[in-house]
């Protein structure tokens, strides 16, 4: 876990960087695809939702939820990803829905920076690292231009 400063622009720039975003989503998809069949099943998606603790916490405090309510939320999220409704999520569906969710998060954050605790392998941390690397590259280019 890492505590980072992030805002909507950081996320938007990451999503708009097709190379960085596609590589990161492909890596995440490969991690989630436990049986390596090129698709995410409901079971594979639920494992990730459980890892993210989507329904288990309320401001960091565990909350006991009705198991049926949790199942309905997980099923709803899976259907949101399964655009063609064939019972499995392919990489393209996963990428499109992940992009929509990240852009919605960016819109919600706006330009006001917030401090967040981010998982070490999360897409949000990858967005922050991308921003740092772009900022460092930009600073180096400015130094080189000023030296010339």
N, C-alpha and C. Protein backbone atom coordinates (compact mmCIF):
# COMPACT_ATOMS: atom_id res chain seq x y z
N UNK A 1 0.85 -1.17 0.00
CA UNK A 1 0.00 0.00 0.00
C UNK A 1 0.89 1.23 0.00
N UNK A 2 0.43 2.25 -0.70
CA UNK A 2 1.17 3.49 -0.84
C UNK A 2 0.20 4.66 -0.71
N UNK A 3 0.59 5.69 0.00
CA UNK A 3 -0.24 6.88 0.13
C UNK A 3 0.26 7.91 -0.88
N UNK A 4 -0.66 8.34 -1.75
CA UNK A 4 -0.30 9.23 -2.85
C UNK A 4 -1.29 10.38 -2.94
N UNK A 5 -0.86 11.44 -3.62
CA UNK A 5 -1.73 12.57 -3.95
C UNK A 5 -2.20 12.34 -5.38
N UNK A 6 -3.52 12.43 -5.59
CA UNK A 6 -4.08 12.17 -6.91
C UNK A 6 -5.24 13.13 -7.17
N UNK A 7 -5.45 13.45 -8.44
CA UNK A 7 -6.62 14.25 -8.81
C UNK A 7 -7.18 13.69 -10.12
N UNK A 8 -8.26 14.29 -10.57
CA UNK A 8 -8.92 13.80 -11.78
C UNK A 8 -8.05 13.87 -13.01
N UNK A 9 -7.21 14.88 -13.10
CA UNK A 9 -6.34 15.04 -14.26
C UNK A 9 -5.33 13.89 -14.35
N UNK A 10 -4.82 13.45 -13.23
CA UNK A 10 -3.88 12.33 -13.20
C UNK A 10 -4.53 11.09 -13.82
N UNK A 11 -5.76 10.82 -13.44
CA UNK A 11 -6.48 9.65 -13.95
C UNK A 11 -6.81 9.83 -15.43
N UNK A 12 -7.32 11.00 -15.80
CA UNK A 12 -7.68 11.25 -17.20
C UNK A 12 -6.47 11.13 -18.11
N UNK A 13 -5.36 11.71 -17.71
CA UNK A 13 -4.14 11.62 -18.54
C UNK A 13 -3.69 10.18 -18.70
N UNK A 14 -3.81 9.40 -17.66
CA UNK A 14 -3.45 7.98 -17.72
C UNK A 14 -4.34 7.23 -18.71
N UNK A 15 -5.65 7.44 -18.62
CA UNK A 15 -6.59 6.77 -19.50
C UNK A 15 -6.36 7.19 -20.96
N UNK A 16 -6.04 8.46 -21.17
CA UNK A 16 -5.83 8.96 -22.52
C UNK A 16 -4.48 8.54 -23.11
N UNK A 17 -3.56 8.08 -22.28
CA UNK A 17 -2.28 7.55 -22.77
C UNK A 17 -2.54 6.09 -23.18
N UNK A 18 -2.93 5.89 -24.42
CA UNK A 18 -3.39 4.59 -24.90
C UNK A 18 -2.38 3.48 -24.61
N UNK A 19 -1.12 3.76 -24.80
CA UNK A 19 -0.09 2.73 -24.58
C UNK A 19 -0.01 2.32 -23.12
N UNK A 20 0.09 3.29 -22.22
CA UNK A 20 0.21 2.99 -20.79
C UNK A 20 -1.07 2.36 -20.26
N UNK A 21 -2.22 2.90 -20.65
CA UNK A 21 -3.49 2.38 -20.16
C UNK A 21 -3.72 0.95 -20.66
N UNK A 22 -3.53 0.72 -21.94
CA UNK A 22 -3.75 -0.62 -22.50
C UNK A 22 -2.83 -1.65 -21.86
N UNK A 23 -1.57 -1.30 -21.66
CA UNK A 23 -0.63 -2.23 -21.03
C UNK A 23 -1.06 -2.55 -19.61
N UNK A 24 -1.47 -1.54 -18.87
CA UNK A 24 -1.89 -1.75 -17.48
C UNK A 24 -3.16 -2.58 -17.39
N UNK A 25 -4.12 -2.31 -18.26
CA UNK A 25 -5.37 -3.08 -18.25
C UNK A 25 -5.09 -4.52 -18.67
N UNK A 26 -4.23 -4.71 -19.66
CA UNK A 26 -3.87 -6.07 -20.10
C UNK A 26 -3.21 -6.86 -18.97
N UNK A 27 -2.33 -6.19 -18.22
CA UNK A 27 -1.68 -6.85 -17.08
C UNK A 27 -2.71 -7.26 -16.03
N UNK A 28 -3.62 -6.35 -15.71
CA UNK A 28 -4.65 -6.65 -14.71
C UNK A 28 -5.55 -7.78 -15.19
N UNK A 29 -5.95 -7.72 -16.45
CA UNK A 29 -6.80 -8.77 -17.01
C UNK A 29 -6.10 -10.13 -16.90
N UNK A 30 -4.82 -10.17 -17.24
CA UNK A 30 -4.06 -11.43 -17.18
C UNK A 30 -3.99 -11.95 -15.74
N UNK A 31 -3.85 -11.06 -14.77
CA UNK A 31 -3.82 -11.47 -13.37
C UNK A 31 -5.15 -12.06 -12.94
N UNK A 32 -6.24 -11.47 -13.41
CA UNK A 32 -7.58 -11.91 -13.00
C UNK A 32 -8.01 -13.18 -13.71
N UNK A 33 -7.49 -13.42 -14.91
CA UNK A 33 -7.87 -14.58 -15.72
C UNK A 33 -7.15 -15.82 -15.19
N UNK A 34 -7.66 -16.35 -14.10
CA UNK A 34 -7.00 -17.45 -13.38
C UNK A 34 -6.83 -18.70 -14.24
N UNK A 35 -7.82 -19.02 -15.07
CA UNK A 35 -7.72 -20.24 -15.88
C UNK A 35 -7.06 -19.98 -17.25
N UNK A 36 -6.67 -18.74 -17.50
CA UNK A 36 -5.94 -18.34 -18.71
C UNK A 36 -6.67 -18.71 -20.00
N UNK A 37 -8.02 -18.57 -19.98
CA UNK A 37 -8.79 -18.88 -21.18
C UNK A 37 -9.09 -17.65 -22.03
N UNK A 38 -8.59 -16.48 -21.61
CA UNK A 38 -8.81 -15.25 -22.36
C UNK A 38 -10.12 -14.55 -22.03
N UNK A 39 -10.81 -15.03 -21.01
CA UNK A 39 -12.08 -14.44 -20.57
C UNK A 39 -12.11 -14.40 -19.05
N UNK A 40 -12.89 -13.46 -18.52
CA UNK A 40 -13.12 -13.42 -17.09
C UNK A 40 -14.50 -13.97 -16.80
N UNK A 41 -14.55 -14.99 -15.97
CA UNK A 41 -15.83 -15.55 -15.53
C UNK A 41 -16.34 -14.72 -14.35
N UNK A 42 -17.58 -14.98 -14.00
CA UNK A 42 -18.15 -14.33 -12.83
C UNK A 42 -17.30 -14.62 -11.59
N UNK A 43 -16.88 -15.86 -11.44
CA UNK A 43 -16.08 -16.25 -10.28
C UNK A 43 -14.76 -15.50 -10.23
N UNK A 44 -14.11 -15.34 -11.38
CA UNK A 44 -12.83 -14.61 -11.42
C UNK A 44 -13.05 -13.13 -11.09
N UNK A 45 -14.13 -12.56 -11.57
CA UNK A 45 -14.42 -11.15 -11.26
C UNK A 45 -14.77 -10.97 -9.79
N UNK A 46 -15.54 -11.89 -9.23
CA UNK A 46 -15.93 -11.78 -7.82
C UNK A 46 -14.70 -11.83 -6.92
N UNK A 47 -13.72 -12.65 -7.26
CA UNK A 47 -12.50 -12.71 -6.44
C UNK A 47 -11.84 -11.34 -6.37
N UNK A 48 -11.82 -10.62 -7.49
CA UNK A 48 -11.23 -9.28 -7.48
C UNK A 48 -12.09 -8.30 -6.69
N UNK A 49 -13.39 -8.37 -6.83
CA UNK A 49 -14.28 -7.49 -6.07
C UNK A 49 -14.13 -7.74 -4.57
N UNK A 50 -13.97 -9.00 -4.20
CA UNK A 50 -13.76 -9.32 -2.79
C UNK A 50 -12.41 -8.80 -2.30
N UNK A 51 -11.39 -8.91 -3.15
CA UNK A 51 -10.07 -8.40 -2.79
C UNK A 51 -10.12 -6.89 -2.60
N UNK A 52 -10.88 -6.21 -3.44
CA UNK A 52 -11.02 -4.76 -3.35
C UNK A 52 -11.94 -4.33 -2.21
N UNK A 53 -12.62 -5.31 -1.62
CA UNK A 53 -13.52 -5.08 -0.49
C UNK A 53 -14.60 -4.07 -0.85
N UNK A 54 -15.17 -4.25 -2.05
CA UNK A 54 -16.18 -3.34 -2.57
C UNK A 54 -17.35 -3.16 -1.62
N UNK A 55 -17.80 -4.23 -1.01
CA UNK A 55 -19.00 -4.15 -0.16
C UNK A 55 -18.70 -4.31 1.33
N UNK A 56 -17.48 -4.57 1.69
CA UNK A 56 -17.22 -4.95 3.07
C UNK A 56 -16.84 -3.80 4.00
N UNK A 57 -16.58 -2.63 3.46
CA UNK A 57 -16.15 -1.55 4.35
C UNK A 57 -16.98 -0.30 4.18
N UNK A 58 -17.01 0.47 5.22
CA UNK A 58 -17.66 1.77 5.22
C UNK A 58 -16.68 2.72 5.89
N UNK A 59 -16.00 3.51 5.09
CA UNK A 59 -14.96 4.41 5.58
C UNK A 59 -13.91 3.65 6.38
N UNK A 60 -13.51 2.49 5.86
CA UNK A 60 -12.46 1.71 6.48
C UNK A 60 -12.88 0.81 7.62
N UNK A 61 -14.15 0.83 7.97
CA UNK A 61 -14.66 0.00 9.06
C UNK A 61 -15.53 -1.10 8.46
N UNK A 62 -15.22 -2.35 8.79
CA UNK A 62 -16.00 -3.46 8.25
C UNK A 62 -17.45 -3.36 8.68
N UNK A 63 -18.33 -3.59 7.74
CA UNK A 63 -19.77 -3.55 7.96
C UNK A 63 -20.33 -4.90 7.51
N UNK A 64 -21.12 -5.51 8.35
CA UNK A 64 -21.75 -6.79 8.01
C UNK A 64 -22.88 -6.52 7.02
N UNK A 65 -22.77 -7.14 5.84
CA UNK A 65 -23.78 -6.96 4.80
C UNK A 65 -24.56 -8.25 4.61
N UNK A 66 -25.79 -8.10 4.17
CA UNK A 66 -26.63 -9.24 3.82
C UNK A 66 -25.98 -9.94 2.63
N UNK A 67 -25.67 -11.23 2.73
CA UNK A 67 -25.02 -11.96 1.63
C UNK A 67 -25.79 -11.87 0.31
N UNK A 68 -27.10 -11.83 0.38
CA UNK A 68 -27.90 -11.70 -0.85
C UNK A 68 -27.70 -10.34 -1.49
N UNK A 69 -27.58 -9.31 -0.68
CA UNK A 69 -27.34 -7.95 -1.19
C UNK A 69 -25.97 -7.90 -1.86
N UNK A 70 -24.97 -8.48 -1.22
CA UNK A 70 -23.62 -8.51 -1.79
C UNK A 70 -23.63 -9.25 -3.13
N UNK A 71 -24.31 -10.39 -3.19
CA UNK A 71 -24.38 -11.17 -4.43
C UNK A 71 -25.05 -10.36 -5.54
N UNK A 72 -26.11 -9.63 -5.21
CA UNK A 72 -26.80 -8.80 -6.22
C UNK A 72 -25.88 -7.70 -6.75
N UNK A 73 -25.13 -7.08 -5.87
CA UNK A 73 -24.21 -6.02 -6.30
C UNK A 73 -23.12 -6.61 -7.20
N UNK A 74 -22.55 -7.74 -6.79
CA UNK A 74 -21.51 -8.38 -7.61
C UNK A 74 -22.06 -8.78 -8.97
N UNK A 75 -23.26 -9.34 -9.00
CA UNK A 75 -23.88 -9.73 -10.27
C UNK A 75 -24.11 -8.50 -11.15
N UNK A 76 -24.56 -7.42 -10.55
CA UNK A 76 -24.80 -6.18 -11.28
C UNK A 76 -23.50 -5.64 -11.88
N UNK A 77 -22.44 -5.67 -11.11
CA UNK A 77 -21.15 -5.20 -11.62
C UNK A 77 -20.65 -6.09 -12.76
N UNK A 78 -20.83 -7.39 -12.61
CA UNK A 78 -20.41 -8.31 -13.67
C UNK A 78 -21.18 -8.03 -14.96
N UNK A 79 -22.48 -7.85 -14.87
CA UNK A 79 -23.30 -7.56 -16.05
C UNK A 79 -22.87 -6.25 -16.70
N UNK A 80 -22.46 -5.29 -15.89
CA UNK A 80 -21.99 -4.01 -16.43
C UNK A 80 -20.77 -4.23 -17.32
N UNK A 81 -19.92 -5.18 -16.98
CA UNK A 81 -18.73 -5.48 -17.78
C UNK A 81 -19.06 -6.37 -18.98
N UNK A 82 -20.02 -7.24 -18.82
CA UNK A 82 -20.36 -8.24 -19.85
C UNK A 82 -21.31 -7.62 -20.88
N UNK A 83 -20.75 -6.79 -21.77
CA UNK A 83 -21.55 -6.02 -22.72
C UNK A 83 -22.39 -6.90 -23.65
N UNK A 84 -21.85 -8.03 -24.10
CA UNK A 84 -22.60 -8.88 -25.03
C UNK A 84 -23.45 -9.93 -24.32
N UNK A 85 -23.44 -9.89 -22.99
CA UNK A 85 -24.28 -10.75 -22.15
C UNK A 85 -24.09 -12.25 -22.44
N UNK A 86 -22.84 -12.64 -22.70
CA UNK A 86 -22.58 -14.07 -22.96
C UNK A 86 -22.07 -14.81 -21.72
N UNK A 87 -22.07 -14.15 -20.58
CA UNK A 87 -21.67 -14.81 -19.34
C UNK A 87 -20.19 -14.79 -19.07
N UNK A 88 -19.43 -14.04 -19.87
CA UNK A 88 -18.00 -13.90 -19.65
C UNK A 88 -17.54 -12.56 -20.22
N UNK A 89 -16.45 -12.06 -19.68
CA UNK A 89 -15.95 -10.75 -20.05
C UNK A 89 -14.64 -10.93 -20.82
N UNK A 90 -14.61 -10.41 -22.05
CA UNK A 90 -13.35 -10.48 -22.81
C UNK A 90 -12.51 -9.24 -22.51
N UNK A 91 -11.30 -9.22 -23.00
CA UNK A 91 -10.37 -8.13 -22.68
C UNK A 91 -10.89 -6.79 -23.17
N UNK A 92 -11.53 -6.76 -24.33
CA UNK A 92 -12.05 -5.51 -24.87
C UNK A 92 -13.18 -4.96 -23.99
N UNK A 93 -14.09 -5.83 -23.56
CA UNK A 93 -15.17 -5.40 -22.66
C UNK A 93 -14.59 -4.87 -21.35
N UNK A 94 -13.60 -5.59 -20.84
CA UNK A 94 -12.95 -5.21 -19.58
C UNK A 94 -12.30 -3.83 -19.71
N UNK A 95 -11.61 -3.62 -20.81
CA UNK A 95 -10.93 -2.34 -21.03
C UNK A 95 -11.93 -1.20 -21.15
N UNK A 96 -12.99 -1.40 -21.93
CA UNK A 96 -13.99 -0.34 -22.12
C UNK A 96 -14.66 0.05 -20.80
N UNK A 97 -15.04 -0.95 -20.02
CA UNK A 97 -15.73 -0.65 -18.76
C UNK A 97 -14.78 -0.06 -17.73
N UNK A 98 -13.56 -0.54 -17.69
CA UNK A 98 -12.56 0.02 -16.78
C UNK A 98 -12.31 1.48 -17.12
N UNK A 99 -12.22 1.77 -18.41
CA UNK A 99 -12.02 3.16 -18.84
C UNK A 99 -13.18 4.04 -18.39
N UNK A 100 -14.42 3.58 -18.58
CA UNK A 100 -15.59 4.34 -18.16
C UNK A 100 -15.57 4.59 -16.66
N UNK A 101 -15.22 3.58 -15.89
CA UNK A 101 -15.21 3.72 -14.43
C UNK A 101 -14.12 4.69 -13.97
N UNK A 102 -12.94 4.59 -14.57
CA UNK A 102 -11.85 5.49 -14.18
C UNK A 102 -12.17 6.94 -14.57
N UNK A 103 -12.77 7.14 -15.75
CA UNK A 103 -13.13 8.50 -16.15
C UNK A 103 -14.24 9.06 -15.26
N UNK A 104 -15.16 8.23 -14.82
CA UNK A 104 -16.19 8.67 -13.87
C UNK A 104 -15.55 9.07 -12.55
N UNK A 105 -14.57 8.30 -12.12
CA UNK A 105 -13.85 8.62 -10.88
C UNK A 105 -13.10 9.94 -11.04
N UNK A 106 -12.45 10.12 -12.20
CA UNK A 106 -11.72 11.36 -12.46
C UNK A 106 -12.67 12.55 -12.44
N UNK A 107 -13.82 12.38 -13.05
CA UNK A 107 -14.82 13.45 -13.06
C UNK A 107 -15.28 13.78 -11.64
N UNK A 108 -15.47 12.77 -10.83
CA UNK A 108 -15.88 12.98 -9.44
C UNK A 108 -14.81 13.68 -8.62
N UNK A 109 -13.56 13.36 -8.87
CA UNK A 109 -12.47 14.00 -8.13
C UNK A 109 -12.26 15.45 -8.58
N UNK A 110 -12.42 15.68 -9.87
CA UNK A 110 -12.17 17.02 -10.40
C UNK A 110 -10.70 17.37 -10.28
N UNK A 111 -10.41 18.66 -10.16
CA UNK A 111 -9.02 19.12 -10.14
C UNK A 111 -8.46 19.28 -8.73
N UNK A 112 -9.27 19.00 -7.73
CA UNK A 112 -8.82 19.14 -6.35
C UNK A 112 -8.02 17.90 -5.95
N UNK A 113 -6.74 18.04 -5.62
CA UNK A 113 -5.95 16.87 -5.24
C UNK A 113 -6.40 16.29 -3.89
N UNK A 114 -6.40 14.97 -3.82
CA UNK A 114 -6.73 14.28 -2.58
C UNK A 114 -5.64 13.26 -2.28
N UNK A 115 -5.50 12.94 -1.02
CA UNK A 115 -4.54 11.94 -0.59
C UNK A 115 -5.29 10.61 -0.47
N UNK A 116 -4.73 9.56 -1.11
CA UNK A 116 -5.38 8.25 -1.09
C UNK A 116 -4.36 7.17 -0.78
N UNK A 117 -4.82 6.15 -0.08
CA UNK A 117 -4.03 4.94 0.10
C UNK A 117 -4.35 4.03 -1.09
N UNK A 118 -3.32 3.67 -1.85
CA UNK A 118 -3.50 2.89 -3.07
C UNK A 118 -2.77 1.56 -2.97
N UNK A 119 -3.43 0.51 -3.45
CA UNK A 119 -2.81 -0.82 -3.49
C UNK A 119 -1.60 -0.77 -4.42
N UNK A 120 -0.60 -1.58 -4.13
CA UNK A 120 0.65 -1.53 -4.88
C UNK A 120 0.51 -1.88 -6.35
N UNK A 121 -0.51 -2.62 -6.74
CA UNK A 121 -0.68 -3.02 -8.13
C UNK A 121 -1.91 -2.40 -8.77
N UNK A 122 -2.47 -1.35 -8.17
CA UNK A 122 -3.72 -0.77 -8.65
C UNK A 122 -3.49 0.11 -9.89
N UNK A 123 -4.54 0.26 -10.67
CA UNK A 123 -4.49 1.14 -11.83
C UNK A 123 -4.28 2.59 -11.39
N UNK A 124 -4.85 2.97 -10.26
CA UNK A 124 -4.66 4.35 -9.79
C UNK A 124 -3.20 4.63 -9.43
N UNK A 125 -2.52 3.66 -8.82
CA UNK A 125 -1.11 3.86 -8.51
C UNK A 125 -0.30 3.94 -9.80
N UNK A 126 -0.67 3.14 -10.79
CA UNK A 126 0.01 3.21 -12.09
C UNK A 126 -0.20 4.57 -12.73
N UNK A 127 -1.38 5.16 -12.55
CA UNK A 127 -1.65 6.50 -13.07
C UNK A 127 -0.73 7.53 -12.40
N UNK A 128 -0.58 7.41 -11.08
CA UNK A 128 0.29 8.33 -10.34
C UNK A 128 1.74 8.17 -10.78
N UNK A 129 2.20 6.93 -10.90
CA UNK A 129 3.58 6.68 -11.33
C UNK A 129 3.82 7.21 -12.74
N UNK A 130 2.83 7.06 -13.62
CA UNK A 130 2.95 7.59 -14.97
C UNK A 130 3.11 9.11 -14.90
N UNK A 131 2.31 9.75 -14.06
CA UNK A 131 2.40 11.21 -13.93
C UNK A 131 3.79 11.63 -13.42
N UNK A 132 4.30 10.90 -12.43
CA UNK A 132 5.64 11.20 -11.91
C UNK A 132 6.68 11.07 -13.01
N UNK A 133 6.60 9.99 -13.78
CA UNK A 133 7.60 9.76 -14.82
C UNK A 133 7.49 10.81 -15.93
N UNK A 134 6.27 11.22 -16.28
CA UNK A 134 6.09 12.27 -17.28
C UNK A 134 6.60 13.60 -16.77
N UNK A 135 6.34 13.86 -15.50
CA UNK A 135 6.83 15.10 -14.89
C UNK A 135 8.34 15.14 -14.81
N UNK A 136 8.96 14.01 -14.48
CA UNK A 136 10.42 13.93 -14.43
C UNK A 136 11.02 14.11 -15.82
N UNK A 137 10.40 13.49 -16.82
CA UNK A 137 10.90 13.62 -18.19
C UNK A 137 10.77 15.06 -18.66
N UNK A 138 9.65 15.70 -18.32
CA UNK A 138 9.43 17.10 -18.70
C UNK A 138 10.46 18.00 -18.03
N UNK A 139 10.75 17.75 -16.75
CA UNK A 139 11.75 18.55 -16.03
C UNK A 139 13.13 18.38 -16.65
N UNK A 140 13.47 17.15 -17.02
CA UNK A 140 14.77 16.90 -17.67
C UNK A 140 14.86 17.60 -19.01
N UNK A 141 13.77 17.60 -19.78
CA UNK A 141 13.76 18.30 -21.07
C UNK A 141 13.92 19.80 -20.87
N UNK A 142 13.28 20.34 -19.83
CA UNK A 142 13.42 21.78 -19.53
C UNK A 142 14.87 22.10 -19.16
N UNK A 143 15.50 21.25 -18.37
CA UNK A 143 16.89 21.47 -17.98
C UNK A 143 17.80 21.43 -19.21
N UNK A 144 17.58 20.47 -20.09
CA UNK A 144 18.39 20.36 -21.30
C UNK A 144 18.19 21.56 -22.20
N UNK A 145 16.96 22.02 -22.33
CA UNK A 145 16.67 23.18 -23.17
C UNK A 145 17.33 24.44 -22.61
N UNK A 146 17.31 24.59 -21.29
CA UNK A 146 17.92 25.75 -20.65
C UNK A 146 19.43 25.71 -20.74
N UNK A 147 20.01 24.51 -20.74
CA UNK A 147 21.46 24.36 -20.83
C UNK A 147 21.97 24.67 -22.23
N UNK A 148 21.13 24.50 -23.23
CA UNK A 148 21.53 24.71 -24.63
C UNK A 148 21.47 26.14 -24.96
